[in-house]
Amino acid sequence: MTTLKSKLQEDLNAAIRERDELRSSTLRLTLTAITKEEVAGKEKRELSDDEVLKVITKEAKKRREAAEAFEQGGRPESAEREKAEGELLGAYLPKQLSDDELNEIVSQAVQEARAAGAEGPRAMGAVMKIVNPKVAGLAEGGRVAAVVKQLLAG
C-alpha cells in the first residue's frame, strides 16, 4: 500500500525528471514540512496519511494567504506563483464541500444544537462541535465558522 508521503516523493522524482520546476519546488517544500513535523516531537516518527493531509492543508492555506498578500501588494506574478502552488497541493486533498453541501450540514447541526437547548452565543460552540467532525478536511475552519454564524443569526 502506497502512503501519501511516498506518493509525494514519487511525484517529486517525476517532476524532477520532467524538469517541472513549479511542481518539484512545491513538492520539495511540502516534503520538508512533513519531515519537520516527523521530527518535531521527542522522537522521530512516521506521519499517518491523515497527518500528512493536515500538513498539505496547512501548506496550501499558506499559499492562498501569500497569494492574497502579494495581490494586495501589487505583485501579480508572485501571487500567480503562490496560487499555482496552492492548486497543485489542492490536488492531493479531498474534494472540498460545495457551499450548498456545507450549508446543509451546518443547518442540521444548528437544529440539533437548538434541540439540545443551546441558545445565543453558546450555540456557536455547540454547533461547531457537531459540524467539525463531519467536515474535517473537507472545508476550512474559517469558512465553516462564517456559515455557522450566518445561520445562527438567520
C-alpha atoms as a PDB file:
ATOM      1  CA  MET A   1       0.000   0.000   0.000  1.00  0.00           C
ATOM      2  CA  THR A   2       1.409   3.361  -1.008  1.00  0.00           C
ATOM      3  CA  THR A   3       1.425   6.045   1.653  1.00  0.00           C
ATOM      4  CA  LEU A   4       0.583   9.614   0.760  1.00  0.00           C
ATOM      5  CA  LYS A   5       4.132  10.631   1.670  1.00  0.00           C
ATOM      6  CA  SER A   6       5.658   8.094  -0.728  1.00  0.00           C
ATOM      7  CA  LYS A   7       3.222   9.260  -3.429  1.00  0.00           C
ATOM      8  CA  LEU A   8       4.519  12.829  -2.932  1.00  0.00           C
ATOM      9  CA  GLN A   9       8.090  11.501  -3.135  1.00  0.00           C
ATOM     10  CA  GLU A  10       7.348   9.631  -6.402  1.00  0.00           C
ATOM     11  CA  ASP A  11       5.637  12.703  -7.863  1.00  0.00           C
ATOM     12  CA  LEU A  12       8.650  14.815  -6.859  1.00  0.00           C
ATOM     13  CA  ASN A  13      11.027  12.421  -8.632  1.00  0.00           C
ATOM     14  CA  ALA A  14       8.838  12.507 -11.749  1.00  0.00           C
ATOM     15  CA  ALA A  15       8.694  16.328 -11.644  1.00  0.00           C
ATOM     16  CA  ILE A  16      12.497  16.486 -11.381  1.00  0.00           C
ATOM     17  CA  ARG A  17      12.856  14.129 -14.374  1.00  0.00           C
ATOM     18  CA  GLU A  18      10.368  16.236 -16.359  1.00  0.00           C
ATOM     19  CA  ARG A  19      12.191  19.425 -15.310  1.00  0.00           C
ATOM     20  CA  ASP A  20       8.879  20.761 -13.933  1.00  0.00           C
ATOM     21  CA  GLU A  21      10.267  23.487 -11.684  1.00  0.00           C
ATOM     22  CA  LEU A  22       6.954  24.556 -10.139  1.00  0.00           C
ATOM     23  CA  ARG A  23       5.938  21.028  -9.137  1.00  0.00           C
ATOM     24  CA  SER A  24       9.360  19.953  -7.948  1.00  0.00           C
ATOM     25  CA  SER A  25       9.891  23.014  -5.736  1.00  0.00           C
ATOM     26  CA  THR A  26       6.347  22.855  -4.327  1.00  0.00           C
ATOM     27  CA  LEU A  27       6.601  19.138  -3.531  1.00  0.00           C
ATOM     28  CA  ARG A  28      10.109  19.558  -2.126  1.00  0.00           C
ATOM     29  CA  LEU A  29       8.879  22.282   0.287  1.00  0.00           C
ATOM     30  CA  THR A  30       5.893  20.164   1.299  1.00  0.00           C
ATOM     31  CA  LEU A  31       8.026  17.075   1.950  1.00  0.00           C
ATOM     32  CA  THR A  32      10.344  19.254   4.053  1.00  0.00           C
ATOM     33  CA  ALA A  33       7.330  20.418   6.084  1.00  0.00           C
ATOM     34  CA  ILE A  34       6.293  16.766   6.567  1.00  0.00           C
ATOM     35  CA  THR A  35       9.800  15.780   7.705  1.00  0.00           C
ATOM     36  CA  LYS A  36       9.870  18.747  10.093  1.00  0.00           C
ATOM     37  CA  GLU A  37       6.592  17.521  11.573  1.00  0.00           C
ATOM     38  CA  GLU A  38       8.004  13.984  11.904  1.00  0.00           C
ATOM     39  CA  VAL A  39      10.967  15.140  13.971  1.00  0.00           C
ATOM     40  CA  ALA A  40       9.022  17.766  15.948  1.00  0.00           C
ATOM     41  CA  GLY A  41       8.200  15.541  18.928  1.00  0.00           C
ATOM     42  CA  LYS A  42      10.500  13.807  21.362  1.00  0.00           C
ATOM     43  CA  GLU A  43      11.226  11.000  18.930  1.00  0.00           C
ATOM     44  CA  LYS A  44      11.132  10.755  15.149  1.00  0.00           C
ATOM     45  CA  ARG A  45       8.045   9.039  13.811  1.00  0.00           C
ATOM     46  CA  GLU A  46       6.300   8.317  10.539  1.00  0.00           C
ATOM     47  CA  LEU A  47       3.228  10.507   9.965  1.00  0.00           C
ATOM     48  CA  SER A  48      -0.069   8.822   9.122  1.00  0.00           C
ATOM     49  CA  ASP A  49      -1.799   9.767   5.865  1.00  0.00           C
ATOM     50  CA  ASP A  50      -4.259  11.876   7.880  1.00  0.00           C
ATOM     51  CA  GLU A  51      -1.392  13.775   9.482  1.00  0.00           C
ATOM     52  CA  VAL A  52       0.269  14.239   6.085  1.00  0.00           C
ATOM     53  CA  LEU A  53      -3.055  15.614   4.779  1.00  0.00           C
ATOM     54  CA  LYS A  54      -3.061  18.126   7.641  1.00  0.00           C
ATOM     55  CA  VAL A  55       0.427  19.285   6.638  1.00  0.00           C
ATOM     56  CA  ILE A  56      -0.612  19.588   2.966  1.00  0.00           C
ATOM     57  CA  THR A  57      -3.753  21.502   4.009  1.00  0.00           C
ATOM     58  CA  LYS A  58      -1.632  23.880   6.093  1.00  0.00           C
ATOM     59  CA  GLU A  59       0.827  24.367   3.207  1.00  0.00           C
ATOM     60  CA  ALA A  60      -1.999  25.006   0.715  1.00  0.00           C
ATOM     61  CA  LYS A  61      -3.548  27.552   3.091  1.00  0.00           C
ATOM     62  CA  LYS A  62      -0.177  29.322   3.412  1.00  0.00           C
ATOM     63  CA  ARG A  63      -0.017  29.594  -0.396  1.00  0.00           C
ATOM     64  CA  ARG A  64      -3.550  31.065  -0.574  1.00  0.00           C
ATOM     65  CA  GLU A  65      -2.767  33.612   2.112  1.00  0.00           C
ATOM     66  CA  ALA A  66       0.532  34.531   0.438  1.00  0.00           C
ATOM     67  CA  ALA A  67      -1.239  34.900  -2.927  1.00  0.00           C
ATOM     68  CA  GLU A  68      -3.744  37.318  -1.341  1.00  0.00           C
ATOM     69  CA  ALA A  69      -0.928  39.285   0.291  1.00  0.00           C
ATOM     70  CA  PHE A  70       1.016  39.533  -2.995  1.00  0.00           C
ATOM     71  CA  GLU A  71      -2.150  40.596  -4.821  1.00  0.00           C
ATOM     72  CA  GLN A  72      -2.819  43.360  -2.321  1.00  0.00           C
ATOM     73  CA  GLY A  73       0.852  44.356  -2.505  1.00  0.00           C
ATOM     74  CA  GLY A  74       0.607  44.753  -6.282  1.00  0.00           C
ATOM     75  CA  ARG A  75       2.833  41.784  -7.153  1.00  0.00           C
ATOM     76  CA  PRO A  76       0.626  39.758  -9.522  1.00  0.00           C
ATOM     77  CA  GLU A  77       3.400  37.438 -10.775  1.00  0.00           C
ATOM     78  CA  SER A  78       4.257  36.342  -7.233  1.00  0.00           C
ATOM     79  CA  ALA A  79       0.539  35.948  -6.485  1.00  0.00           C
ATOM     80  CA  GLU A  80       0.112  33.745  -9.583  1.00  0.00           C
ATOM     81  CA  ARG A  81       3.012  31.542  -8.496  1.00  0.00           C
ATOM     82  CA  GLU A  82       1.565  31.078  -4.998  1.00  0.00           C
ATOM     83  CA  LYS A  83      -1.871  30.320  -6.473  1.00  0.00           C
ATOM     84  CA  ALA A  84      -0.387  27.725  -8.822  1.00  0.00           C
ATOM     85  CA  GLU A  85       1.457  26.058  -5.929  1.00  0.00           C
ATOM     86  CA  GLY A  86      -1.751  26.074  -3.857  1.00  0.00           C
ATOM     87  CA  GLU A  87      -3.729  24.431  -6.672  1.00  0.00           C
ATOM     88  CA  LEU A  88      -1.015  21.842  -7.149  1.00  0.00           C
ATOM     89  CA  LEU A  89      -1.237  20.940  -3.447  1.00  0.00           C
ATOM     90  CA  GLY A  90      -5.039  21.037  -3.593  1.00  0.00           C
ATOM     91  CA  ALA A  91      -4.930  18.095  -5.981  1.00  0.00           C
ATOM     92  CA  TYR A  92      -3.695  15.906  -3.090  1.00  0.00           C
ATOM     93  CA  LEU A  93      -6.544  16.954  -0.788  1.00  0.00           C
ATOM     94  CA  PRO A  94     -10.062  15.540  -0.591  1.00  0.00           C
ATOM     95  CA  LYS A  95     -12.554  17.475  -2.705  1.00  0.00           C
ATOM     96  CA  GLN A  96     -13.882  20.441  -0.724  1.00  0.00           C
ATOM     97  CA  LEU A  97     -17.569  20.676   0.124  1.00  0.00           C
ATOM     98  CA  SER A  98     -19.693  22.962  -2.043  1.00  0.00           C
ATOM     99  CA  ASP A  99     -21.477  25.898  -0.378  1.00  0.00           C
ATOM    100  CA  ASP A 100     -24.784  24.002  -0.626  1.00  0.00           C
ATOM    101  CA  GLU A 101     -23.364  20.857   0.986  1.00  0.00           C
ATOM    102  CA  LEU A 102     -21.777  22.891   3.766  1.00  0.00           C
ATOM    103  CA  ASN A 103     -24.997  24.867   4.391  1.00  0.00           C
ATOM    104  CA  GLU A 104     -26.932  21.605   4.608  1.00  0.00           C
ATOM    105  CA  ILE A 105     -24.567  20.087   7.207  1.00  0.00           C
ATOM    106  CA  VAL A 106     -24.482  23.287   9.256  1.00  0.00           C
ATOM    107  CA  SER A 107     -28.249  23.806   9.242  1.00  0.00           C
ATOM    108  CA  GLN A 108     -28.775  20.244  10.509  1.00  0.00           C
ATOM    109  CA  ALA A 109     -26.225  20.916  13.250  1.00  0.00           C
ATOM    110  CA  VAL A 110     -27.975  24.183  14.189  1.00  0.00           C
ATOM    111  CA  GLN A 111     -31.263  22.273  14.582  1.00  0.00           C
ATOM    112  CA  GLU A 112     -29.528  19.587  16.675  1.00  0.00           C
ATOM    113  CA  ALA A 113     -27.882  22.184  18.918  1.00  0.00           C
ATOM    114  CA  ARG A 114     -31.133  24.096  19.397  1.00  0.00           C
ATOM    115  CA  ALA A 115     -32.951  20.844  20.189  1.00  0.00           C
ATOM    116  CA  ALA A 116     -30.305  20.231  22.856  1.00  0.00           C
ATOM    117  CA  GLY A 117     -31.074  23.666  24.283  1.00  0.00           C
ATOM    118  CA  ALA A 118     -28.097  25.665  23.000  1.00  0.00           C
ATOM    119  CA  GLU A 119     -29.080  29.335  22.627  1.00  0.00           C
ATOM    120  CA  GLY A 120     -27.334  32.607  21.766  1.00  0.00           C
ATOM    121  CA  PRO A 121     -23.528  32.849  21.742  1.00  0.00           C
ATOM    122  CA  ARG A 122     -23.168  29.415  23.419  1.00  0.00           C
ATOM    123  CA  ALA A 123     -24.886  27.873  20.408  1.00  0.00           C
ATOM    124  CA  MET A 124     -21.842  28.694  18.243  1.00  0.00           C
ATOM    125  CA  GLY A 125     -19.606  26.306  20.209  1.00  0.00           C
ATOM    126  CA  ALA A 126     -22.286  23.623  20.338  1.00  0.00           C
ATOM    127  CA  VAL A 127     -22.854  23.796  16.572  1.00  0.00           C
ATOM    128  CA  MET A 128     -19.107  23.790  15.801  1.00  0.00           C
ATOM    129  CA  LYS A 129     -18.722  20.648  17.979  1.00  0.00           C
ATOM    130  CA  ILE A 130     -21.336  18.877  15.848  1.00  0.00           C
ATOM    131  CA  VAL A 131     -20.097  20.207  12.495  1.00  0.00           C
ATOM    132  CA  ASN A 132     -16.317  19.877  12.823  1.00  0.00           C
ATOM    133  CA  PRO A 133     -16.015  16.063  12.766  1.00  0.00           C
ATOM    134  CA  LYS A 134     -18.374  15.925   9.755  1.00  0.00           C
ATOM    135  CA  VAL A 135     -16.429  18.444   7.682  1.00  0.00           C
ATOM    136  CA  ALA A 136     -12.852  17.728   8.817  1.00  0.00           C
ATOM    137  CA  GLY A 137     -10.560  18.169   5.826  1.00  0.00           C
ATOM    138  CA  LEU A 138     -13.498  18.986   3.544  1.00  0.00           C
ATOM    139  CA  ALA A 139     -13.950  22.658   4.434  1.00  0.00           C
ATOM    140  CA  GLU A 140     -11.738  25.279   6.040  1.00  0.00           C
ATOM    141  CA  GLY A 141     -12.424  26.327   9.619  1.00  0.00           C
ATOM    142  CA  GLY A 142     -12.954  29.984   8.766  1.00  0.00           C
ATOM    143  CA  ARG A 143     -15.448  29.124   6.046  1.00  0.00           C
ATOM    144  CA  VAL A 144     -17.340  26.785   8.395  1.00  0.00           C
ATOM    145  CA  ALA A 145     -17.438  29.367  11.201  1.00  0.00           C
ATOM    146  CA  ALA A 146     -18.795  32.006   8.808  1.00  0.00           C
ATOM    147  CA  VAL A 147     -21.662  29.741   7.706  1.00  0.00           C
ATOM    148  CA  VAL A 148     -22.445  28.801  11.341  1.00  0.00           C
ATOM    149  CA  LYS A 149     -22.574  32.494  12.347  1.00  0.00           C
ATOM    150  CA  GLN A 150     -24.754  33.319   9.359  1.00  0.00           C
ATOM    151  CA  LEU A 151     -27.260  30.517  10.034  1.00  0.00           C
ATOM    152  CA  LEU A 152     -27.371  31.202  13.784  1.00  0.00           C
ATOM    153  CA  ALA A 153     -28.103  34.866  13.079  1.00  0.00           C
ATOM    154  CA  GLY A 154     -30.672  33.727  10.476  1.00  0.00           C
END
